[in-house]
Protein backbone atom coordinates (compact mmCIF):
# COMPACT_ATOMS: atom_id res chain seq x y z
CA MET A 1 -5.14 21.27 -19.11
CA THR A 2 -5.88 24.31 -21.22
CA PHE A 3 -3.96 26.75 -23.36
CA ALA A 4 -5.62 29.69 -24.98
CA ILE A 5 -4.49 32.65 -27.03
CA VAL A 6 -6.97 35.47 -27.25
CA ALA A 7 -7.32 35.98 -30.97
CA VAL A 8 -8.60 39.09 -32.69
CA PRO A 9 -10.50 38.78 -35.98
CA LEU A 10 -8.45 40.45 -38.70
CA PHE A 11 -7.09 39.96 -42.13
CA MET A 12 -4.39 37.26 -41.94
CA SER A 13 -1.28 38.51 -43.65
CA ALA A 14 1.98 36.60 -43.66
CA GLY A 15 3.35 38.87 -40.95
CA ALA A 16 0.30 38.37 -38.75
CA ALA A 17 0.72 34.61 -39.09
CA LEU A 18 4.28 34.94 -37.82
CA ASP A 19 3.08 36.91 -34.80
CA TYR A 20 0.56 34.21 -33.96
CA SER A 21 3.08 31.44 -34.52
CA ARG A 22 5.65 33.06 -32.23
CA THR A 23 3.01 33.66 -29.54
CA TYR A 24 1.79 30.07 -29.78
CA GLY A 25 5.35 28.78 -29.43
CA LYS A 26 5.92 30.85 -26.30
CA GLY A 27 2.62 29.67 -24.86
CA SER A 28 3.58 26.06 -25.52
CA ASP A 29 6.90 26.53 -23.70
CA ILE A 30 5.13 28.08 -20.71
CA HIS A 31 2.54 25.29 -20.77
CA GLU A 32 5.18 22.56 -20.72
CA SER A 33 6.93 24.17 -17.75
CA LEU A 34 3.62 24.64 -15.92
CA ASP A 35 2.67 20.97 -16.41
CA SER A 36 6.05 19.88 -15.10
CA ALA A 37 5.72 22.19 -12.08
CA VAL A 38 2.30 20.96 -10.91
CA LEU A 39 3.41 17.33 -11.31
CA ALA A 40 6.52 17.98 -9.23
CA GLY A 41 4.54 19.80 -6.56
CA ILE A 42 1.80 17.22 -6.09
CA ASN A 43 4.12 14.21 -6.23
CA LEU A 44 5.70 14.61 -2.79
CA THR A 45 7.01 11.56 -0.94
CA ALA A 46 5.59 10.60 2.44
CA LYS A 47 8.84 11.76 4.03
CA GLU A 48 8.49 15.20 2.41
CA LYS A 49 4.86 15.48 3.47
CA LYS A 50 5.76 14.58 7.05
CA ALA A 51 8.48 17.23 7.00
CA GLY A 52 5.90 19.84 6.00
CA VAL A 53 7.11 20.47 2.46
CA ASN A 54 4.60 22.72 0.70
CA PRO A 55 3.58 21.55 -2.80
CA VAL A 56 3.03 25.16 -3.87
CA ASP A 57 6.62 26.05 -2.93
CA VAL A 58 7.91 23.05 -4.87
CA ALA A 59 5.87 23.99 -7.94
CA GLU A 60 7.02 27.62 -7.84
CA SER A 61 10.69 26.63 -7.58
CA HIS A 62 10.33 24.04 -10.32
CA PHE A 63 8.64 26.49 -12.68
CA ALA A 64 11.20 29.24 -12.05
CA ALA A 65 14.04 26.83 -12.79
CA ASN A 66 12.49 25.67 -16.07
CA TYR A 67 11.09 28.99 -17.27
CA PRO A 68 13.20 31.88 -15.95
CA ASP A 69 11.73 34.56 -18.26
CA LYS A 70 9.58 37.18 -16.60
CA LEU A 71 5.81 36.80 -16.98
CA ASP A 72 2.95 39.05 -15.99
CA SER A 73 1.71 36.58 -13.37
CA VAL A 74 2.30 33.00 -12.21
CA ARG A 75 0.42 31.42 -9.33
CA PHE A 76 -0.16 27.99 -7.82
CA TRP A 77 -2.77 26.81 -5.31
CA VAL A 78 -4.14 23.57 -3.82
CA LYS A 79 -7.83 22.74 -3.74
CA THR A 80 -9.58 19.59 -2.51
CA GLU A 81 -11.84 18.21 -5.22
CA THR A 82 -13.87 15.06 -5.86
CA ILE A 83 -12.55 12.97 -8.75
CA ASP A 84 -14.09 9.61 -9.63
CA GLY A 85 -15.89 9.62 -6.29
CA GLU A 86 -12.69 10.19 -4.29
CA LYS A 87 -11.67 13.41 -2.55
CA VAL A 88 -8.15 14.37 -3.60
CA ASP A 89 -5.90 17.40 -3.36
CA VAL A 90 -5.45 19.07 -6.74
CA LEU A 91 -2.52 21.41 -7.40
CA HIS A 92 -3.50 24.13 -9.87
CA GLY A 93 -1.16 26.38 -11.82
CA GLU A 94 -1.86 29.45 -13.92
CA ALA A 95 0.43 31.72 -15.95
CA LYS A 96 -0.37 34.88 -17.89
CA SER A 97 1.71 36.94 -20.27
CA ASN A 98 1.50 39.27 -23.26
CA GLU A 99 3.60 38.77 -26.38
CA LYS A 100 4.57 41.89 -28.31
CA THR A 101 3.69 41.82 -32.01
CA SER A 102 5.40 43.20 -35.10
CA MET A 103 3.11 43.19 -38.15
CA LEU A 104 -0.04 43.21 -36.05
CA ALA A 105 1.26 46.30 -34.26
CA LEU A 106 0.92 48.18 -37.55
CA LEU A 107 -2.78 47.38 -37.36
CA GLY A 108 -3.04 48.62 -33.77
CA ILE A 109 -2.67 45.23 -32.06
CA LYS A 110 0.53 45.62 -30.07
CA GLU A 111 0.21 42.50 -27.88
CA LEU A 112 -1.37 39.03 -27.94
CA PRO A 113 -2.44 37.76 -24.50
CA ILE A 114 -1.40 34.26 -23.38
CA ASN A 115 -3.34 32.38 -20.69
CA VAL A 116 -2.06 28.96 -19.61
CA SER A 117 -3.45 26.67 -16.89
CA SER A 118 -2.71 23.18 -15.64
CA ALA A 119 -3.64 20.92 -12.73
CA ALA A 120 -2.36 17.65 -11.28
CA ALA A 121 -3.47 15.20 -8.60
CA GLN A 122 -2.18 12.04 -7.01
CA ARG A 123 -2.95 8.95 -9.07
CA SER A 124 -6.00 7.00 -7.94
CA ASP A 125 -5.07 3.78 -9.76
CA ARG A 126 -3.94 1.38 -7.04
CA GLN A 127 -3.28 -2.33 -6.76
CA PRO A 128 -4.32 -5.00 -4.24
CA ILE A 129 -2.32 -5.35 -1.06
CA CYS A 130 -0.72 -8.70 -0.27
CA PHE A 131 1.62 -7.89 2.62
CA MET A 132 1.49 -4.65 4.57
CA ALA A 133 3.61 -3.64 7.58
CA MET A 134 1.54 -0.91 9.20
CA HIS A 135 3.77 0.63 11.90
CA ASP A 136 4.54 4.18 10.84
CA SER A 137 7.91 4.79 12.52
CA ARG A 138 9.80 1.80 13.91
CA LYS A 139 12.62 0.04 12.08
CA HIS A 140 12.75 -3.53 10.79
CA THR A 141 9.06 -3.90 9.98
CA LEU A 142 10.05 -5.95 6.91
CA GLU A 143 13.17 -7.72 8.11
CA LEU A 144 14.96 -10.89 6.97
CA LYS A 145 17.61 -12.79 8.93
CA ASP A 146 19.64 -15.99 8.73
CA GLU A 147 19.22 -17.69 5.33
CA VAL A 148 15.52 -17.37 4.58
CA THR A 149 14.10 -16.44 1.17
CA VAL A 150 10.59 -15.02 0.91
CA TYR A 151 9.16 -15.95 -2.48
CA ALA A 152 6.05 -13.92 -3.33
CA PRO A 153 6.24 -13.09 -7.06
CA ASP A 154 2.61 -11.90 -7.29
CA CYS A 155 2.64 -9.99 -4.03
CA ASN A 156 2.67 -6.21 -3.50
CA VAL A 157 4.63 -5.56 -0.29
CA TYR A 158 4.37 -2.21 1.48
CA GLY A 159 6.18 -0.76 4.50
CA ASN A 160 4.49 2.22 6.14
CA SER A 161 7.37 3.04 8.48
CA SER A 162 9.26 6.29 7.97
CA HIS A 163 12.31 5.07 9.92
CA PRO A 164 15.26 6.32 7.85
CA ASP A 165 16.90 3.64 5.70
CA ASP A 166 15.97 0.70 7.92
CA VAL A 167 12.49 -0.60 7.07
CA VAL A 168 13.23 -3.34 4.52
CA ASP A 169 16.34 -5.08 5.81
CA PRO A 170 17.81 -8.30 4.38
CA HIS A 171 20.59 -8.75 6.93
CA THR A 172 22.68 -11.40 5.16
CA PRO A 173 23.80 -12.28 1.62
CA GLN A 174 21.59 -15.39 1.94
CA ASN A 175 18.40 -13.36 2.41
CA PHE A 176 16.23 -12.82 -0.67
CA LEU A 177 12.89 -11.04 -1.03
CA ILE A 178 11.15 -11.75 -4.34
CA THR A 179 7.87 -9.91 -4.94
CA LYS A 180 5.73 -8.16 -7.54
CA SER A 181 6.62 -4.83 -5.93
CA VAL A 182 8.11 -3.69 -2.64
CA GLN A 183 7.89 -0.13 -1.36
CA ALA A 184 8.78 1.50 1.95
CA VAL A 185 8.37 5.06 3.17
CA GLY A 186 11.70 4.96 5.02
CA TYR A 187 13.49 2.68 2.52
CA GLY A 188 15.98 0.04 3.74
CA HIS A 189 19.59 -1.11 3.84
CA HIS A 190 22.09 -3.99 3.91
CA TYR A 191 21.66 -6.46 1.01
CA LEU A 192 19.09 -4.55 -1.01
CA GLU A 193 20.49 -6.05 -4.21
CA ASN A 194 18.70 -9.23 -3.06
CA VAL A 195 15.31 -7.51 -3.25
CA THR A 196 13.54 -8.20 -6.56
CA PRO A 197 12.25 -6.02 -8.12
CA PRO A 198 14.34 -3.26 -6.52
CA LEU A 199 12.98 -1.58 -3.40
CA GLU A 200 11.33 1.78 -4.10
CA TYR A 201 10.49 4.73 -1.89
CA ALA A 202 6.80 4.63 -1.02
CA PRO A 203 5.02 7.88 -1.90
CA GLU A 204 2.77 7.98 1.16
CA VAL A 205 1.84 6.49 4.52
CA LEU A 206 -1.23 4.37 3.84
CA ALA A 207 -4.24 4.36 6.12
CA ASP A 208 -5.49 1.10 7.59
CA PRO A 209 -7.53 -0.35 4.70
CA LEU A 210 -9.69 -2.37 7.12
CA ALA A 211 -10.23 0.36 9.70
CA GLY A 212 -13.97 0.10 9.09
CA LEU A 213 -14.12 -3.65 9.76
CA SER A 214 -16.31 -4.52 12.74
CA ILE A 215 -14.54 -7.26 14.72
CA PRO A 216 -16.83 -9.76 16.49
CA GLY A 217 -16.63 -9.76 20.27
CA PRO A 218 -16.80 -12.72 22.65
CA GLY A 219 -20.03 -14.39 23.63
CA SER A 220 -20.74 -16.96 26.33
CA CYS A 221 -17.81 -19.30 26.92
CA LEU A 222 -18.13 -22.53 24.99
CA ALA A 223 -14.95 -23.69 26.76
CA THR A 224 -12.39 -22.15 29.13
CA ASN A 225 -8.61 -22.67 28.92
CA LYS A 226 -9.25 -25.57 26.57
CA VAL A 227 -6.32 -27.92 25.89
CA ILE A 228 -6.41 -30.57 23.19
CA SER A 229 -3.58 -33.07 23.66
CA GLY A 230 -3.38 -35.68 20.93
CA GLY A 231 -6.19 -37.41 19.10
CA LYS A 232 -8.63 -36.20 16.44
CA VAL A 233 -11.03 -33.47 17.48
CA LYS A 234 -13.70 -31.42 15.72
CA LEU A 235 -14.27 -27.99 17.22
CA SER A 236 -17.58 -26.15 17.01
CA PRO A 237 -17.67 -22.39 16.45
CA GLY A 238 -18.16 -20.17 19.48
CA THR A 239 -16.14 -18.41 22.17
CA TYR A 240 -13.10 -20.13 23.69
CA CYS A 241 -12.26 -18.18 26.82
CA GLY A 242 -8.72 -17.95 28.16
CA GLY A 243 -7.11 -19.25 24.99
CA LEU A 244 -6.88 -22.52 23.10
CA THR A 245 -3.93 -24.95 23.17
CA ILE A 246 -3.47 -27.76 20.63
CA THR A 247 -0.51 -30.05 21.28
CA ASN A 248 0.98 -33.55 21.29
CA SER A 249 0.32 -34.48 17.63
CA ALA A 250 -3.34 -33.55 17.83
CA LYS A 251 -5.38 -33.27 14.63
CA VAL A 252 -8.04 -30.61 14.95
CA GLU A 253 -10.74 -29.56 12.50
CA PHE A 254 -12.41 -26.18 12.91
CA GLN A 255 -15.96 -26.58 11.69
CA SER A 256 -17.64 -23.89 9.61
CA GLY A 257 -18.21 -20.66 11.51
CA THR A 258 -16.54 -17.95 13.58
CA PHE A 259 -14.28 -18.82 16.51
CA VAL A 260 -13.59 -16.12 19.11
CA ILE A 261 -10.53 -16.92 21.23
CA THR A 262 -9.98 -14.65 24.24
CA GLY A 263 -6.31 -15.43 24.63
CA LYS A 264 -3.45 -17.16 22.87
CA LEU A 265 -3.94 -19.74 20.14
CA THR A 266 -1.10 -22.19 20.75
CA ILE A 267 -0.37 -24.99 18.29
CA GLN A 268 2.60 -27.28 19.04
CA ASN A 269 3.57 -30.36 17.05
CA SER A 270 0.01 -30.63 15.76
CA SER A 271 -2.15 -29.95 12.72
CA VAL A 272 -5.30 -27.90 12.26
CA LYS A 273 -7.59 -27.49 9.29
CA GLY A 274 -10.88 -25.85 8.51
CA SER A 275 -12.88 -24.34 5.67
CA ASP A 276 -15.37 -21.47 5.84
CA VAL A 277 -13.89 -20.31 9.15
CA THR A 278 -12.73 -17.10 10.79
CA LEU A 279 -10.57 -17.12 13.90
CA VAL A 280 -10.92 -13.98 16.03
CA LEU A 281 -8.20 -13.28 18.59
CA SER A 282 -10.03 -11.19 21.15
CA GLY A 283 -8.69 -8.92 23.87
CA SER A 284 -5.24 -7.90 25.04
CA LYS A 285 -3.97 -11.49 25.26
CA GLY A 286 -5.04 -12.57 21.80
CA SER A 287 -2.03 -13.83 19.84
CA LEU A 288 -0.55 -16.74 17.86
CA ASP A 289 2.13 -19.14 19.12
CA TRP A 290 2.75 -21.88 16.58
CA ASN A 291 5.68 -24.30 16.75
CA ASN A 292 5.97 -27.18 14.30
CA ALA A 293 2.36 -26.59 13.35
CA ASP A 294 0.60 -27.57 10.15
CA ALA A 295 -2.23 -25.07 9.73
CA SER A 296 -4.52 -25.18 6.68
CA LEU A 297 -7.44 -22.77 7.04
CA GLU A 298 -9.85 -21.21 4.55
CA ALA A 299 -11.77 -18.01 5.28
CA ARG A 300 -15.52 -17.53 5.48
CA ARG A 301 -17.17 -17.15 2.07
CA THR A 302 -20.19 -15.08 3.08
CA GLY A 303 -21.23 -12.62 5.76
CA SER A 304 -19.36 -9.78 7.46
CA MET A 305 -16.21 -11.91 7.82
CA ALA A 306 -16.11 -13.06 4.20
CA GLY A 307 -12.50 -13.37 3.08
CA MET A 308 -11.13 -12.97 6.62
CA VAL A 309 -9.33 -16.03 7.97
CA ILE A 310 -7.67 -14.58 11.10
CA VAL A 311 -8.67 -11.30 12.75
CA ALA A 312 -7.45 -9.70 15.97
CA ASP A 313 -8.54 -6.78 18.08
CA ARG A 314 -6.57 -3.60 17.40
CA VAL A 315 -4.24 -4.01 20.38
CA PRO A 316 -0.49 -4.79 20.47
CA SER A 317 0.48 -8.45 20.35
CA GLU A 318 3.59 -10.59 19.88
CA ASN A 319 3.18 -13.57 17.58
CA TYR A 320 5.45 -16.50 16.75
CA LEU A 321 5.28 -18.82 13.74
CA VAL A 322 8.13 -21.31 14.12
CA ALA A 323 8.97 -24.18 11.75
CA SER A 324 5.33 -24.28 10.70
CA THR A 325 3.29 -24.63 7.53
CA VAL A 326 1.20 -21.46 7.49
CA ASP A 327 -1.36 -22.26 4.78
CA LEU A 328 -3.94 -19.52 5.28
CA HIS A 329 -6.44 -18.86 2.49
CA GLY A 330 -7.76 -15.38 3.20
CA ALA A 331 -6.83 -12.13 4.91
CA ILE A 332 -4.90 -11.99 8.16
CA TYR A 333 -5.80 -8.75 9.90
CA MET A 334 -3.67 -8.16 13.00
CA VAL A 335 -2.86 -4.51 12.49
CA ASN A 336 -1.00 -4.16 15.82
CA GLY A 337 0.56 -7.61 15.72
CA VAL A 338 4.35 -8.01 15.60
CA PHE A 339 5.49 -11.31 14.05
CA VAL A 340 8.58 -13.47 14.27
CA TRP A 341 8.24 -16.00 11.45
CA GLU A 342 10.91 -18.70 11.47
CA ASN A 343 10.80 -20.77 8.31
CA LYS A 344 12.24 -24.24 7.77
CA GLY A 345 12.69 -25.75 4.31
CA LYS A 346 9.96 -25.10 1.75
CA PRO A 347 6.44 -25.48 3.15
CA LYS A 348 3.78 -26.64 0.68
CA ILE A 349 1.20 -23.87 0.45
CA LYS A 350 -2.07 -24.65 -1.35
CA ALA A 351 -3.93 -21.41 -0.63
CA ASP A 352 -4.52 -19.33 -3.76
CA TRP A 353 -3.96 -16.13 -1.82
CA SER A 354 -3.29 -14.61 1.54
CA SER A 355 -3.18 -10.94 2.49
CA TRP A 356 -1.37 -9.83 5.64
CA ILE A 357 -2.18 -6.54 7.39
CA ILE A 358 0.09 -6.52 10.45
CA ASP A 359 2.38 -4.23 12.45
CA GLY A 360 5.57 -5.79 11.12
CA VAL A 361 7.50 -9.02 10.63
CA THR A 362 10.94 -10.55 11.07
CA TRP A 363 11.44 -13.53 8.77
CA THR A 364 14.14 -15.89 10.03
CA GLY A 365 15.31 -19.45 9.52
CA ASP A 366 16.20 -21.04 6.20
CA GLY A 367 14.74 -22.36 2.98
CA VAL A 368 12.07 -20.74 0.83
CA LEU A 369 8.91 -19.31 2.35
CA PRO A 370 6.19 -19.02 -0.34
CA ILE A 371 3.38 -16.47 -0.18
CA ASN A 372 0.77 -17.03 -2.87
CA PHE A 373 -1.35 -14.22 -4.24
CA LYS A 374 -3.76 -15.14 -7.02
CA PRO A 375 -7.20 -14.05 -5.75
CA GLU A 376 -8.58 -14.21 -9.29
CA LYS A 377 -8.26 -18.03 -9.13
CA SER A 378 -9.89 -18.37 -5.73
CA LYS A 379 -13.39 -19.19 -4.55
CA ILE A 380 -12.61 -17.31 -1.35
CA PRO A 381 -13.80 -13.70 -1.84
CA PHE A 382 -11.06 -11.09 -1.73
CA PRO A 383 -12.17 -8.18 0.51
CA TYR A 384 -13.05 -5.13 -1.56
CA ALA A 385 -11.26 -2.85 0.91
CA LEU A 386 -7.95 -4.52 -0.02
CA LYS A 387 -8.34 -4.26 -3.80
CA HIS A 388 -7.25 -0.66 -4.42
CA VAL A 389 -4.59 0.10 -1.81
CA VAL A 390 -1.03 0.11 -3.14
CA PRO A 391 0.28 2.97 -5.31
CA VAL A 392 1.66 1.61 -8.55
CA ALA A 393 5.39 1.02 -8.07
CA GLY A 394 7.67 2.58 -10.65
CA VAL A 395 4.97 4.95 -11.89
CA SER A 396 4.76 8.61 -11.03
CA GLY A 397 2.31 9.15 -8.21
CA ALA A 398 0.74 12.09 -10.02
CA ARG A 399 -1.33 12.72 -13.14
CA LEU A 400 -2.30 15.76 -15.14
CA LEU A 401 -5.98 16.62 -15.05
CA ARG A 402 -6.41 19.52 -17.45
């Protein structure tokens, strides 16, 4: 930001000093109001942006309310600029005026010009995403029912939906959501006093952070409609056509590699484990159906799927996690996947972190459902695309530039 008074070289008498001091004071007042105006204009909520609110109009109204005195000119404009390698919209403001003099007028200088400028942009400092409900309009994308508590004290939770007052929804007094931060474009209702820290309006609808991820497709079928009923089995990586069912107290180990499943992954009354693995749910039937499952999986550590433990094609799916231990060490990317997650008791989760990018979730059941998020402790690489996603909760979404 800049503030300049055009000075004229002359002999500085006491009266001239008073003229300069008064002019500087007026310029400072204008400057303060201009800074406030560009911050207000650029810091629109996602709801305001969707409604077509113009940041220039907001800035003009804000400035007029804070500095009603008439000036020679005041103008605001938006320009897209590159800041720290990122293209952002910058709201500029400029005000000009002339302050009449007293002592200087006797020397032929009747006015001192004042030129004030300021600019603001959305903050670029963002935090890692831990749990993100991506649907941009439907209600209940972060919903709690029955008596379940979701305990995720290191987790940034974000709801993209603009549905009015019904995105984050703890339905009962026994529902608690404990996070590092929780934000929603459309806010929430019911027992919001049970959300810690308090729910905040999200400033924007976030783009899919993994939109550029190339999802592996199926190859030749290693097995078709495979069912594992009981016993101990080691599975080799490859394509499992028609889905994969694990049932009847089976104990299955996924060996290192990428597993493409062209259908539903069903786990009933069984356990699965695997390290250095990625499960890819491929096609329109790819989904999860786990009931009384004990799943302990760690993501790939290298390659294009590093850090990704479960990935699905970008098609709608319905997924059920019922009375299961969901111990997933890595990112779960099912951007069009709707989840019903019924918790029982307090599952023991060993994974240092998990990051969920899904359509939305309904948490039900009882007990305490833990979601760990300490990627700095982990040997599983945290995807770079997920590191700088979430606007800082509780901090203005705008910053002054000059």
